[in-house]
Amino acid sequence: MTDNIAPSAFQGSNLIMANDGSPLLPGTPAEARARLAALNADPAVGDVLLDPRHPQHAARVAERRGLELIASRDRGEQAARAEAERRRQNTVREEAARTDSAVAALDVFRRVAP
């Protein structure tokens, strides 16, 4: 049995729909990551992926690989965002350390002065 593939306007994305109305593959990396997270969270899918003799094993592995490929399309943007966030966090930590050392210096001064 083959699915008739038709373009879909599901939630404003460019998904390809199967006969049963389910999306075959998401159109954007964000949709792929969300669907991959849902797949990984589903214990039934995990059982299928862990059992190579399961009738759906090959299809689920192929689906997972496809989702991983689509999700990896914007890794450059993700890496840039992660780097910017890491730098922001480091700046916050450095500022907190400077503030803590200034407070400690004032505290020492208060203890010494009568």
C-alpha atoms as a PDB file:
ATOM      1  CA  MET A   1       0.000   0.000   0.000  1.00  0.00           C
ATOM      2  CA  THR A   2       1.398   3.361  -0.935  1.00  0.00           C
ATOM      3  CA  ASP A   3       0.383   6.698   0.474  1.00  0.00           C
ATOM      4  CA  ASN A   4      -0.846   9.469  -1.735  1.00  0.00           C
ATOM      5  CA  ILE A   5       1.433  12.351  -0.956  1.00  0.00           C
ATOM      6  CA  ALA A   6      -0.193  15.749  -0.900  1.00  0.00           C
ATOM      7  CA  PRO A   7       1.148  19.060   0.360  1.00  0.00           C
ATOM      8  CA  SER A   8      -0.431  20.295   3.550  1.00  0.00           C
ATOM      9  CA  ALA A   9      -1.064  23.664   5.116  1.00  0.00           C
ATOM     10  CA  PHE A  10      -1.052  22.070   8.589  1.00  0.00           C
ATOM     11  CA  GLN A  11      -0.207  24.808  11.108  1.00  0.00           C
ATOM     12  CA  GLY A  12       1.257  26.934   8.346  1.00  0.00           C
ATOM     13  CA  SER A  13       4.097  24.529   7.619  1.00  0.00           C
ATOM     14  CA  ASN A  14       5.108  22.615   4.547  1.00  0.00           C
ATOM     15  CA  LEU A  15       4.416  19.099   5.808  1.00  0.00           C
ATOM     16  CA  ILE A  16       3.821  16.164   3.498  1.00  0.00           C
ATOM     17  CA  MET A  17       0.695  14.247   4.559  1.00  0.00           C
ATOM     18  CA  ALA A  18      -0.015  10.520   4.333  1.00  0.00           C
ATOM     19  CA  ASN A  19      -3.402   8.964   3.508  1.00  0.00           C
ATOM     20  CA  ASP A  20      -4.359   8.826   7.175  1.00  0.00           C
ATOM     21  CA  GLY A  21      -3.679  12.536   7.613  1.00  0.00           C
ATOM     22  CA  SER A  22      -0.482  12.128   9.601  1.00  0.00           C
ATOM     23  CA  PRO A  23       2.572  14.105   8.543  1.00  0.00           C
ATOM     24  CA  LEU A  24       5.315  12.026   6.933  1.00  0.00           C
ATOM     25  CA  LEU A  25       8.157  14.414   7.685  1.00  0.00           C
ATOM     26  CA  PRO A  26       8.137  17.868   9.240  1.00  0.00           C
ATOM     27  CA  GLY A  27       9.159  20.777   7.102  1.00  0.00           C
ATOM     28  CA  THR A  28      11.241  22.786   9.567  1.00  0.00           C
ATOM     29  CA  PRO A  29      14.070  21.835  11.936  1.00  0.00           C
ATOM     30  CA  ALA A  30      12.037  23.045  14.936  1.00  0.00           C
ATOM     31  CA  GLU A  31       9.143  20.746  13.999  1.00  0.00           C
ATOM     32  CA  ALA A  32      11.600  17.883  13.508  1.00  0.00           C
ATOM     33  CA  ARG A  33      13.148  18.450  16.950  1.00  0.00           C
ATOM     34  CA  ALA A  34       9.702  18.530  18.565  1.00  0.00           C
ATOM     35  CA  ARG A  35       8.629  15.350  16.809  1.00  0.00           C
ATOM     36  CA  LEU A  36      11.946  13.656  17.622  1.00  0.00           C
ATOM     37  CA  ALA A  37      11.517  14.574  21.297  1.00  0.00           C
ATOM     38  CA  ALA A  38       8.003  13.114  21.243  1.00  0.00           C
ATOM     39  CA  LEU A  39       9.321   9.927  19.636  1.00  0.00           C
ATOM     40  CA  ASN A  40      12.101   9.610  22.196  1.00  0.00           C
ATOM     41  CA  ALA A  41       9.648  10.156  25.053  1.00  0.00           C
ATOM     42  CA  ASP A  42       7.249   7.444  23.849  1.00  0.00           C
ATOM     43  CA  PRO A  43       8.070   4.142  25.607  1.00  0.00           C
ATOM     44  CA  ALA A  44       6.346   2.091  22.887  1.00  0.00           C
ATOM     45  CA  VAL A  45       8.601   3.620  20.232  1.00  0.00           C
ATOM     46  CA  GLY A  46      11.615   2.943  22.441  1.00  0.00           C
ATOM     47  CA  ASP A  47      10.650  -0.729  22.648  1.00  0.00           C
ATOM     48  CA  VAL A  48      10.347  -0.889  18.851  1.00  0.00           C
ATOM     49  CA  LEU A  49      13.744   0.777  18.367  1.00  0.00           C
ATOM     50  CA  LEU A  50      15.428  -1.606  20.809  1.00  0.00           C
ATOM     51  CA  ASP A  51      14.011  -4.759  19.166  1.00  0.00           C
ATOM     52  CA  PRO A  52      15.511  -5.287  15.692  1.00  0.00           C
ATOM     53  CA  ARG A  53      13.068  -8.154  15.057  1.00  0.00           C
ATOM     54  CA  HIS A  54      10.017  -5.955  15.584  1.00  0.00           C
ATOM     55  CA  PRO A  55       8.011  -5.501  12.343  1.00  0.00           C
ATOM     56  CA  GLN A  56       8.102  -1.689  12.680  1.00  0.00           C
ATOM     57  CA  HIS A  57      11.782  -1.457  13.631  1.00  0.00           C
ATOM     58  CA  ALA A  58      13.139  -0.520  10.194  1.00  0.00           C
ATOM     59  CA  ALA A  59      10.409   2.074   9.612  1.00  0.00           C
ATOM     60  CA  ARG A  60      10.930   3.694  13.031  1.00  0.00           C
ATOM     61  CA  VAL A  61      14.716   3.780  12.606  1.00  0.00           C
ATOM     62  CA  ALA A  62      14.317   5.381   9.171  1.00  0.00           C
ATOM     63  CA  GLU A  63      11.822   7.905  10.580  1.00  0.00           C
ATOM     64  CA  ARG A  64      14.184   8.769  13.424  1.00  0.00           C
ATOM     65  CA  ARG A  65      17.147   9.214  11.057  1.00  0.00           C
ATOM     66  CA  GLY A  66      15.071  11.435   8.792  1.00  0.00           C
ATOM     67  CA  LEU A  67      13.988  13.575  11.726  1.00  0.00           C
ATOM     68  CA  GLU A  68      17.588  13.844  12.939  1.00  0.00           C
ATOM     69  CA  LEU A  69      18.715  14.969   9.477  1.00  0.00           C
ATOM     70  CA  ILE A  70      15.995  17.611   9.250  1.00  0.00           C
ATOM     71  CA  ALA A  71      16.646  18.766  12.819  1.00  0.00           C
ATOM     72  CA  SER A  72      20.351  19.179  12.060  1.00  0.00           C
ATOM     73  CA  ARG A  73      19.763  21.613   9.188  1.00  0.00           C
ATOM     74  CA  ASP A  74      20.067  24.694  11.403  1.00  0.00           C
ATOM     75  CA  ARG A  75      22.884  23.500  13.666  1.00  0.00           C
ATOM     76  CA  GLY A  76      24.939  26.562  12.716  1.00  0.00           C
ATOM     77  CA  GLU A  77      22.249  28.894  14.032  1.00  0.00           C
ATOM     78  CA  GLN A  78      21.818  26.738  17.116  1.00  0.00           C
ATOM     79  CA  ALA A  79      25.560  26.768  17.783  1.00  0.00           C
ATOM     80  CA  ALA A  80      25.654  30.557  17.417  1.00  0.00           C
ATOM     81  CA  ARG A  81      22.727  30.951  19.831  1.00  0.00           C
ATOM     82  CA  ALA A  82      24.341  28.541  22.315  1.00  0.00           C
ATOM     83  CA  GLU A  83      27.646  30.442  22.111  1.00  0.00           C
ATOM     84  CA  ALA A  84      25.888  33.781  22.690  1.00  0.00           C
ATOM     85  CA  GLU A  85      24.050  32.325  25.692  1.00  0.00           C
ATOM     86  CA  ARG A  86      27.288  30.863  27.083  1.00  0.00           C
ATOM     87  CA  ARG A  87      29.005  34.250  26.778  1.00  0.00           C
ATOM     88  CA  ARG A  88      26.060  35.981  28.453  1.00  0.00           C
ATOM     89  CA  GLN A  89      26.153  33.505  31.346  1.00  0.00           C
ATOM     90  CA  ASN A  90      29.916  33.941  31.725  1.00  0.00           C
ATOM     91  CA  THR A  91      29.480  37.725  31.839  1.00  0.00           C
ATOM     92  CA  VAL A  92      26.813  37.367  34.526  1.00  0.00           C
ATOM     93  CA  ARG A  93      29.061  35.030  36.550  1.00  0.00           C
ATOM     94  CA  GLU A  94      32.045  37.384  36.254  1.00  0.00           C
ATOM     95  CA  GLU A  95      29.910  40.339  37.341  1.00  0.00           C
ATOM     96  CA  ALA A  96      28.589  38.339  40.290  1.00  0.00           C
ATOM     97  CA  ALA A  97      32.139  37.371  41.276  1.00  0.00           C
ATOM     98  CA  ARG A  98      33.260  41.015  41.118  1.00  0.00           C
ATOM     99  CA  THR A  99      30.272  42.076  43.207  1.00  0.00           C
ATOM    100  CA  ASP A 100      30.935  39.315  45.749  1.00  0.00           C
ATOM    101  CA  SER A 101      34.603  40.290  46.068  1.00  0.00           C
ATOM    102  CA  ALA A 102      33.664  43.967  46.480  1.00  0.00           C
ATOM    103  CA  VAL A 103      31.145  43.061  49.181  1.00  0.00           C
ATOM    104  CA  ALA A 104      33.728  40.860  50.895  1.00  0.00           C
ATOM    105  CA  ALA A 105      36.281  43.690  50.816  1.00  0.00           C
ATOM    106  CA  LEU A 106      33.765  46.073  52.373  1.00  0.00           C
ATOM    107  CA  ASP A 107      32.911  43.480  54.990  1.00  0.00           C
ATOM    108  CA  VAL A 108      36.608  43.065  55.902  1.00  0.00           C
ATOM    109  CA  PHE A 109      36.986  46.847  56.114  1.00  0.00           C
ATOM    110  CA  ARG A 110      33.969  47.060  58.437  1.00  0.00           C
ATOM    111  CA  ARG A 111      35.395  44.399  60.722  1.00  0.00           C
ATOM    112  CA  VAL A 112      38.790  46.130  60.966  1.00  0.00           C
ATOM    113  CA  ALA A 113      37.532  49.671  61.494  1.00  0.00           C
ATOM    114  CA  PRO A 114      36.043  50.295  64.949  1.00  0.00           C
END
